Amino acid sequence: MTVFGLGLAARGGGAAGWITGLKVAAVAFVAHAVPAMWRAMCPDVTRSLLALAAAGALLVMPHAGMQVSVIAVGGALGWALFRRPADAPPSAALPRSGLGWLMLFVGLLALLPLAARTGGDWLASADRFYRAGALVFGGGMSCSPCSSASSSRPAA
């Protein structure tokens, strides 16, 4: 994809058709992925209603504080409603592995901005993209405005 993008940039201004085509392909991809994710993550009525309530709350009040609130309330409800039964088999993942990944994530989130101040352009770019990626969990489309704003430079 990088080579394709660089090729379009080298080609000049005739790339508008390709960009439109890529946008249409992205819409088709997301339209195909949403029902598959729904079936995998909302297998019963309770989880489906919880997801619909979260989506509705975000549509009614679309601001950052509401997003954090919906995640917190959803996590609390999920913890209360969908606990693993005591006789369920243990998870294959080690309990400490999740803590290690969380520490790495938070460490990079905290240290990359500091390192970017003293490092070169590549480190500043890595910091911007890491922070933009930290805002989403697999949903790159919602991250596009953030990555675009942090990686684009205003015309002189």
Protein backbone atom coordinates (compact mmCIF):
# COMPACT_ATOMS: atom_id res chain seq x y z
CA MET A 1 0.00 0.00 0.00
CA THR A 2 2.89 2.35 0.70
CA VAL A 3 4.39 1.73 -2.73
CA PHE A 4 0.96 2.24 -4.29
CA GLY A 5 0.54 5.54 -2.43
CA LEU A 6 4.01 6.72 -3.40
CA GLY A 7 3.27 5.80 -7.01
CA LEU A 8 0.08 7.85 -6.94
CA ALA A 9 1.93 10.80 -5.42
CA ALA A 10 4.64 10.61 -8.09
CA ARG A 11 2.00 10.42 -10.80
CA GLY A 12 0.61 13.83 -9.93
CA GLY A 13 -2.93 15.18 -9.75
CA GLY A 14 -4.66 12.38 -11.69
CA ALA A 15 -5.14 10.25 -8.59
CA ALA A 16 -8.66 11.41 -7.66
CA GLY A 17 -10.30 8.41 -9.35
CA TRP A 18 -8.05 5.98 -7.50
CA ILE A 19 -8.76 7.65 -4.18
CA THR A 20 -12.51 7.47 -4.79
CA GLY A 21 -12.16 3.81 -5.67
CA LEU A 22 -10.21 3.12 -2.49
CA LYS A 23 -12.86 4.89 -0.43
CA VAL A 24 -15.60 2.77 -2.01
CA ALA A 25 -13.57 -0.37 -1.32
CA ALA A 26 -13.11 0.70 2.31
CA VAL A 27 -16.87 1.23 2.70
CA ALA A 28 -17.54 -2.23 1.24
CA PHE A 29 -14.94 -3.78 3.54
CA VAL A 30 -16.43 -2.16 6.65
CA ALA A 31 -19.99 -3.04 5.55
CA HIS A 32 -18.89 -6.67 5.29
CA ALA A 33 -16.96 -6.65 8.58
CA VAL A 34 -19.64 -5.10 10.80
CA PRO A 35 -22.15 -8.00 10.59
CA ALA A 36 -19.35 -10.53 11.09
CA MET A 37 -18.11 -8.68 14.18
CA TRP A 38 -21.70 -8.39 15.43
CA ARG A 39 -22.20 -12.14 15.22
CA ALA A 40 -18.88 -12.83 16.97
CA MET A 41 -19.16 -10.22 19.73
CA CYS A 42 -22.92 -10.08 20.34
CA PRO A 43 -23.97 -13.73 20.22
CA ASP A 44 -27.03 -13.29 22.45
CA VAL A 45 -29.84 -10.79 23.00
CA THR A 46 -28.33 -9.26 26.15
CA ARG A 47 -25.06 -8.35 24.48
CA SER A 48 -26.88 -7.11 21.39
CA LEU A 49 -29.02 -4.79 23.51
CA LEU A 50 -25.93 -3.57 25.36
CA ALA A 51 -24.20 -2.78 22.05
CA LEU A 52 -27.28 -1.00 20.69
CA ALA A 53 -27.60 1.06 23.88
CA ALA A 54 -23.94 2.07 23.64
CA ALA A 55 -24.32 3.04 19.97
CA GLY A 56 -27.48 4.98 20.74
CA ALA A 57 -25.85 6.85 23.61
CA LEU A 58 -22.95 7.85 21.38
CA LEU A 59 -25.28 9.00 18.61
CA VAL A 60 -27.27 11.16 21.03
CA MET A 61 -24.21 12.64 22.79
CA PRO A 62 -21.20 12.41 20.44
CA HIS A 63 -18.34 13.84 22.47
CA ALA A 64 -15.15 12.38 23.92
CA GLY A 65 -16.39 12.28 27.51
CA MET A 66 -19.38 10.22 26.46
CA GLN A 67 -17.11 7.73 24.68
CA VAL A 68 -15.10 7.19 27.84
CA SER A 69 -18.31 6.91 29.87
CA VAL A 70 -19.80 4.32 27.50
CA ILE A 71 -16.61 2.25 27.67
CA ALA A 72 -16.57 2.41 31.48
CA VAL A 73 -20.27 1.57 31.85
CA GLY A 74 -20.00 -1.20 29.27
CA GLY A 75 -17.00 -2.67 31.07
CA ALA A 76 -18.79 -2.57 34.42
CA LEU A 77 -21.95 -4.14 32.98
CA GLY A 78 -19.93 -6.77 31.16
CA TRP A 79 -18.05 -7.61 34.32
CA ALA A 80 -21.30 -7.85 36.31
CA LEU A 81 -23.42 -9.69 33.72
CA PHE A 82 -20.99 -11.94 31.90
CA ARG A 83 -18.68 -13.34 34.55
CA ARG A 84 -17.10 -16.67 33.82
CA PRO A 85 -18.69 -19.46 35.86
CA ALA A 86 -16.56 -20.94 38.65
CA ASP A 87 -16.48 -24.34 36.90
CA ALA A 88 -15.33 -22.91 33.55
CA PRO A 89 -11.92 -24.02 32.30
CA PRO A 90 -9.11 -21.54 32.90
CA SER A 91 -7.92 -19.26 30.14
CA ALA A 92 -4.90 -20.33 28.11
CA ALA A 93 -3.26 -16.92 28.59
CA LEU A 94 -1.06 -16.38 31.59
CA PRO A 95 -2.53 -13.81 34.00
CA ARG A 96 0.69 -11.79 34.06
CA SER A 97 1.03 -11.58 30.27
CA GLY A 98 -1.84 -9.09 30.02
CA LEU A 99 -0.27 -6.90 32.67
CA GLY A 100 3.02 -6.91 30.80
CA TRP A 101 1.38 -5.84 27.53
CA LEU A 102 -0.56 -3.13 29.36
CA MET A 103 2.65 -1.82 30.94
CA LEU A 104 4.35 -1.77 27.53
CA PHE A 105 1.41 0.09 25.99
CA VAL A 106 1.28 2.73 28.75
CA GLY A 107 5.06 3.03 28.81
CA LEU A 108 5.24 3.73 25.08
CA LEU A 109 2.31 6.11 25.35
CA ALA A 110 4.12 8.08 28.06
CA LEU A 111 7.72 7.85 26.84
CA LEU A 112 7.38 8.31 23.07
CA PRO A 113 6.31 11.99 23.35
CA LEU A 114 9.31 12.66 25.59
CA ALA A 115 11.68 10.85 23.25
CA ALA A 116 10.19 12.62 20.22
CA ARG A 117 11.25 16.00 21.65
CA THR A 118 14.91 15.01 21.63
CA GLY A 119 14.91 12.55 18.72
CA GLY A 120 14.67 13.04 15.01
CA ASP A 121 11.71 13.38 12.69
CA TRP A 122 11.21 9.61 12.52
CA LEU A 123 10.72 9.41 16.28
CA ALA A 124 8.24 12.30 16.23
CA SER A 125 6.37 10.57 13.42
CA ALA A 126 6.35 7.27 15.34
CA ASP A 127 4.97 9.11 18.38
CA ARG A 128 2.15 10.73 16.40
CA PHE A 129 1.11 7.47 14.78
CA TYR A 130 1.35 5.52 18.06
CA ARG A 131 -0.88 8.04 19.84
CA ALA A 132 -3.34 8.05 16.94
CA GLY A 133 -3.40 4.25 16.92
CA ALA A 134 -3.93 4.17 20.68
CA LEU A 135 -7.25 5.92 20.18
CA VAL A 136 -8.75 3.01 18.30
CA PHE A 137 -8.89 -0.73 18.76
CA GLY A 138 -8.78 -2.06 15.22
CA GLY A 139 -10.96 0.65 13.70
CA GLY A 140 -8.57 2.55 11.50
CA MET A 141 -11.30 4.50 9.72
CA SER A 142 -12.14 6.46 12.85
CA CYS A 143 -8.47 7.31 13.28
CA SER A 144 -8.06 8.91 9.83
CA PRO A 145 -8.73 12.52 10.91
CA CYS A 146 -6.27 12.25 13.79
CA SER A 147 -3.48 10.68 11.73
CA SER A 148 -4.12 13.08 8.88
CA ALA A 149 -3.90 16.10 11.17
CA SER A 150 -0.69 14.90 12.80
CA SER A 151 1.09 13.76 9.65
CA SER A 152 0.08 16.48 7.18
CA ARG A 153 1.85 19.76 6.96
CA PRO A 154 0.10 22.96 5.91
CA ALA A 155 0.96 24.24 2.48
CA ALA A 156 3.47 27.07 2.48
